[in-house]
N, C-alpha and C. Protein backbone atom coordinates (compact mmCIF):
# COMPACT_ATOMS: atom_id res chain seq x y z
N MET A 1 -42.62 45.72 -18.63
CA MET A 1 -41.89 44.54 -18.17
C MET A 1 -40.85 44.97 -17.14
N VAL A 2 -40.68 44.16 -16.13
CA VAL A 2 -39.73 44.44 -15.05
C VAL A 2 -38.51 43.55 -15.22
N LYS A 3 -37.34 44.14 -14.99
CA LYS A 3 -36.09 43.39 -15.03
C LYS A 3 -35.34 43.56 -13.72
N LEU A 4 -34.58 42.55 -13.37
CA LEU A 4 -33.63 42.66 -12.26
C LEU A 4 -32.30 43.03 -12.89
N ARG A 5 -31.80 44.22 -12.57
CA ARG A 5 -30.57 44.66 -13.20
C ARG A 5 -29.67 45.36 -12.19
N LEU A 6 -28.43 45.65 -12.60
CA LEU A 6 -27.46 46.29 -11.72
C LEU A 6 -27.54 47.80 -11.87
N LYS A 7 -27.40 48.49 -10.74
CA LYS A 7 -27.39 49.94 -10.71
C LYS A 7 -26.08 50.36 -10.04
N ARG A 8 -25.28 51.15 -10.74
CA ARG A 8 -23.95 51.49 -10.24
C ARG A 8 -24.03 52.55 -9.16
N CYS A 9 -23.26 52.35 -8.09
CA CYS A 9 -23.09 53.37 -7.07
C CYS A 9 -21.68 53.23 -6.52
N GLY A 10 -21.32 54.04 -5.57
CA GLY A 10 -19.95 54.03 -5.07
C GLY A 10 -19.17 55.18 -5.66
N ARG A 11 -17.92 55.26 -5.31
CA ARG A 11 -17.13 56.37 -5.82
C ARG A 11 -16.33 55.98 -7.05
N LYS A 12 -15.56 56.91 -7.56
CA LYS A 12 -14.79 56.70 -8.77
C LYS A 12 -13.76 55.59 -8.57
N GLN A 13 -13.65 54.69 -9.54
CA GLN A 13 -12.73 53.55 -9.53
C GLN A 13 -13.02 52.56 -8.40
N ARG A 14 -14.15 52.67 -7.76
CA ARG A 14 -14.51 51.79 -6.64
C ARG A 14 -16.01 51.53 -6.70
N ALA A 15 -16.43 50.85 -7.74
CA ALA A 15 -17.85 50.67 -7.99
C ALA A 15 -18.45 49.58 -7.11
N ILE A 16 -19.64 49.83 -6.66
CA ILE A 16 -20.48 48.84 -5.99
C ILE A 16 -21.81 48.89 -6.74
N TYR A 17 -22.40 47.74 -6.96
CA TYR A 17 -23.62 47.67 -7.74
C TYR A 17 -24.78 47.22 -6.87
N GLN A 18 -25.90 47.91 -6.99
CA GLN A 18 -27.13 47.48 -6.33
C GLN A 18 -27.91 46.62 -7.31
N ILE A 19 -28.48 45.54 -6.83
CA ILE A 19 -29.38 44.73 -7.65
C ILE A 19 -30.77 45.29 -7.41
N VAL A 20 -31.39 45.81 -8.48
CA VAL A 20 -32.68 46.47 -8.34
C VAL A 20 -33.69 45.88 -9.31
N ALA A 21 -34.95 45.98 -8.94
CA ALA A 21 -36.05 45.68 -9.85
C ALA A 21 -36.46 47.00 -10.47
N ILE A 22 -36.42 47.06 -11.80
CA ILE A 22 -36.63 48.33 -12.50
C ILE A 22 -37.41 48.07 -13.78
N ASP A 23 -38.18 49.06 -14.19
CA ASP A 23 -38.92 48.95 -15.44
C ASP A 23 -37.94 48.95 -16.60
N VAL A 24 -38.23 48.18 -17.61
CA VAL A 24 -37.33 47.99 -18.73
C VAL A 24 -37.08 49.30 -19.50
N ARG A 25 -38.03 50.21 -19.46
CA ARG A 25 -37.90 51.46 -20.22
C ARG A 25 -37.08 52.51 -19.48
N SER A 26 -36.74 52.27 -18.21
CA SER A 26 -35.97 53.23 -17.43
C SER A 26 -34.49 53.10 -17.73
N ARG A 27 -33.77 54.20 -17.56
CA ARG A 27 -32.33 54.15 -17.75
C ARG A 27 -31.65 53.49 -16.55
N ARG A 28 -30.35 53.28 -16.64
CA ARG A 28 -29.63 52.54 -15.60
C ARG A 28 -29.72 53.22 -14.24
N GLU A 29 -29.60 54.52 -14.22
CA GLU A 29 -29.65 55.25 -12.95
C GLU A 29 -31.05 55.77 -12.66
N GLY A 30 -32.04 55.26 -13.35
CA GLY A 30 -33.41 55.72 -13.18
C GLY A 30 -34.03 55.25 -11.88
N ARG A 31 -35.29 55.57 -11.73
CA ARG A 31 -36.01 55.24 -10.50
C ARG A 31 -36.34 53.75 -10.48
N ASP A 32 -35.94 53.09 -9.41
CA ASP A 32 -36.18 51.65 -9.32
C ASP A 32 -37.45 51.37 -8.52
N LEU A 33 -37.98 50.18 -8.72
CA LEU A 33 -39.17 49.76 -7.97
C LEU A 33 -38.80 49.32 -6.57
N GLN A 34 -37.71 48.54 -6.46
CA GLN A 34 -37.25 48.07 -5.15
C GLN A 34 -35.80 47.62 -5.27
N LYS A 35 -35.03 47.88 -4.22
CA LYS A 35 -33.66 47.37 -4.13
C LYS A 35 -33.74 45.97 -3.54
N VAL A 36 -33.13 44.99 -4.23
CA VAL A 36 -33.25 43.61 -3.76
C VAL A 36 -31.90 43.00 -3.42
N GLY A 37 -30.82 43.77 -3.45
CA GLY A 37 -29.53 43.23 -3.07
C GLY A 37 -28.41 44.13 -3.55
N PHE A 38 -27.16 43.69 -3.32
CA PHE A 38 -26.01 44.41 -3.85
C PHE A 38 -24.91 43.44 -4.20
N TYR A 39 -23.97 43.92 -5.01
CA TYR A 39 -22.83 43.13 -5.46
C TYR A 39 -21.60 44.01 -5.43
N ASP A 40 -20.56 43.57 -4.71
CA ASP A 40 -19.29 44.28 -4.65
C ASP A 40 -18.26 43.45 -5.40
N PRO A 41 -17.87 43.86 -6.62
CA PRO A 41 -16.94 43.06 -7.40
C PRO A 41 -15.51 43.07 -6.86
N ILE A 42 -15.16 44.05 -6.06
CA ILE A 42 -13.80 44.13 -5.53
C ILE A 42 -13.63 43.16 -4.37
N LYS A 43 -14.57 43.16 -3.44
CA LYS A 43 -14.51 42.25 -2.29
C LYS A 43 -15.18 40.90 -2.58
N LYS A 44 -15.80 40.78 -3.75
CA LYS A 44 -16.52 39.55 -4.15
C LYS A 44 -17.64 39.22 -3.16
N GLN A 45 -18.35 40.24 -2.70
CA GLN A 45 -19.46 40.05 -1.78
C GLN A 45 -20.78 40.21 -2.51
N THR A 46 -21.75 39.41 -2.12
CA THR A 46 -23.09 39.51 -2.68
C THR A 46 -24.10 39.38 -1.55
N TYR A 47 -25.09 40.25 -1.57
CA TYR A 47 -26.21 40.15 -0.65
C TYR A 47 -27.49 40.14 -1.47
N SER A 48 -28.37 39.20 -1.18
CA SER A 48 -29.62 39.10 -1.91
C SER A 48 -30.79 39.04 -0.93
N ASN A 49 -31.80 39.84 -1.18
CA ASN A 49 -33.04 39.76 -0.43
C ASN A 49 -33.88 38.68 -1.10
N VAL A 50 -33.74 37.45 -0.63
CA VAL A 50 -34.29 36.28 -1.31
C VAL A 50 -35.81 36.34 -1.46
N PRO A 51 -36.58 36.68 -0.42
CA PRO A 51 -38.04 36.73 -0.63
C PRO A 51 -38.46 37.75 -1.69
N ALA A 52 -37.79 38.89 -1.73
CA ALA A 52 -38.13 39.92 -2.72
C ALA A 52 -37.78 39.45 -4.13
N ILE A 53 -36.62 38.81 -4.30
CA ILE A 53 -36.23 38.31 -5.62
C ILE A 53 -37.19 37.23 -6.08
N LEU A 54 -37.54 36.31 -5.20
CA LEU A 54 -38.50 35.26 -5.55
C LEU A 54 -39.86 35.84 -5.94
N ASP A 55 -40.28 36.86 -5.21
CA ASP A 55 -41.55 37.50 -5.51
C ASP A 55 -41.55 38.11 -6.91
N PHE A 56 -40.47 38.83 -7.25
CA PHE A 56 -40.39 39.45 -8.57
C PHE A 56 -40.28 38.40 -9.68
N LEU A 57 -39.52 37.32 -9.43
CA LEU A 57 -39.39 36.28 -10.45
C LEU A 57 -40.72 35.56 -10.68
N GLN A 58 -41.47 35.34 -9.62
CA GLN A 58 -42.77 34.68 -9.78
C GLN A 58 -43.79 35.58 -10.47
N LYS A 59 -43.60 36.89 -10.37
CA LYS A 59 -44.49 37.82 -11.06
C LYS A 59 -44.08 38.03 -12.52
N GLY A 60 -42.96 37.44 -12.94
CA GLY A 60 -42.57 37.52 -14.34
C GLY A 60 -41.37 38.39 -14.64
N ALA A 61 -40.68 38.89 -13.63
CA ALA A 61 -39.49 39.71 -13.88
C ALA A 61 -38.38 38.84 -14.45
N GLN A 62 -37.58 39.41 -15.34
CA GLN A 62 -36.48 38.69 -15.97
C GLN A 62 -35.16 39.29 -15.50
N PRO A 63 -34.23 38.49 -14.98
CA PRO A 63 -32.92 39.02 -14.63
C PRO A 63 -32.08 39.22 -15.89
N THR A 64 -31.21 40.22 -15.86
CA THR A 64 -30.27 40.39 -16.96
C THR A 64 -29.22 39.29 -16.88
N GLY A 65 -28.38 39.18 -17.87
CA GLY A 65 -27.37 38.13 -17.90
C GLY A 65 -26.41 38.19 -16.73
N ILE A 66 -25.96 39.39 -16.39
CA ILE A 66 -25.02 39.55 -15.28
C ILE A 66 -25.68 39.20 -13.95
N VAL A 67 -26.89 39.67 -13.73
CA VAL A 67 -27.60 39.37 -12.49
C VAL A 67 -27.87 37.87 -12.39
N TYR A 68 -28.22 37.26 -13.52
CA TYR A 68 -28.45 35.82 -13.53
C TYR A 68 -27.18 35.06 -13.12
N SER A 69 -26.02 35.47 -13.66
CA SER A 69 -24.78 34.77 -13.31
C SER A 69 -24.38 35.02 -11.85
N ILE A 70 -24.65 36.21 -11.33
CA ILE A 70 -24.36 36.50 -9.92
C ILE A 70 -25.23 35.62 -9.02
N LEU A 71 -26.51 35.52 -9.35
CA LEU A 71 -27.41 34.69 -8.54
C LEU A 71 -27.08 33.21 -8.70
N ARG A 72 -26.63 32.81 -9.88
CA ARG A 72 -26.26 31.41 -10.09
C ARG A 72 -25.02 31.05 -9.28
N LYS A 73 -24.04 31.96 -9.20
CA LYS A 73 -22.84 31.71 -8.40
C LYS A 73 -23.18 31.63 -6.91
N ALA A 74 -24.21 32.34 -6.50
CA ALA A 74 -24.66 32.27 -5.11
C ALA A 74 -25.58 31.08 -4.88
N GLU A 75 -25.74 30.23 -5.89
CA GLU A 75 -26.57 29.02 -5.85
C GLU A 75 -28.02 29.33 -5.49
N PHE A 76 -28.50 30.45 -5.97
CA PHE A 76 -29.87 30.87 -5.72
C PHE A 76 -30.86 29.95 -6.43
N PHE A 77 -30.60 29.63 -7.69
CA PHE A 77 -31.54 28.85 -8.48
C PHE A 77 -31.54 27.38 -8.08
N ARG A 78 -30.42 26.87 -7.63
CA ARG A 78 -30.36 25.48 -7.17
C ARG A 78 -31.13 25.31 -5.86
N GLU A 79 -31.06 26.31 -5.02
CA GLU A 79 -31.69 26.23 -3.71
C GLU A 79 -33.21 26.35 -3.79
N PHE A 80 -33.71 27.17 -4.69
CA PHE A 80 -35.14 27.45 -4.72
C PHE A 80 -35.86 26.85 -5.93
N GLN A 81 -35.15 26.19 -6.81
CA GLN A 81 -35.75 25.51 -7.96
C GLN A 81 -36.61 26.46 -8.79
N VAL A 82 -36.08 27.65 -9.08
CA VAL A 82 -36.77 28.60 -9.94
C VAL A 82 -36.45 28.22 -11.37
N SER A 83 -37.45 28.07 -12.19
CA SER A 83 -37.22 27.64 -13.56
C SER A 83 -37.24 28.85 -14.49
N LEU A 84 -36.10 29.14 -15.08
CA LEU A 84 -35.97 30.20 -16.07
C LEU A 84 -35.30 29.62 -17.30
N ASP A 85 -35.67 30.09 -18.46
CA ASP A 85 -35.07 29.61 -19.70
C ASP A 85 -33.94 30.56 -20.08
N PHE A 86 -32.73 30.25 -19.67
CA PHE A 86 -31.57 31.05 -20.00
C PHE A 86 -30.55 30.22 -20.74
N SER A 87 -30.99 29.52 -21.77
CA SER A 87 -30.08 28.70 -22.56
C SER A 87 -29.14 29.55 -23.40
N LYS A 88 -29.50 30.81 -23.64
CA LYS A 88 -28.66 31.67 -24.46
C LYS A 88 -27.49 32.28 -23.70
N PHE A 89 -27.47 32.17 -22.38
CA PHE A 89 -26.38 32.76 -21.60
C PHE A 89 -25.28 31.78 -21.38
């Protein structure tokens, strides 16, 4: 199973996170399938490769809770009408 999750990079006390598509059995810093965006919590910046994210979601990838909330704040799901069942978040 593939998940969209955050991968930490950047220097000490100055984290930047890459949004990556990664196999569920891999560790956080493991080998990813594709980088699909990044999130900078300090500058509150988000970049998303929309076609790649849509492609992974249509193939059955599940975003983690944090990635889901980041994409929701960027109004990704409202714009593209992607239906995911995240009633537990």
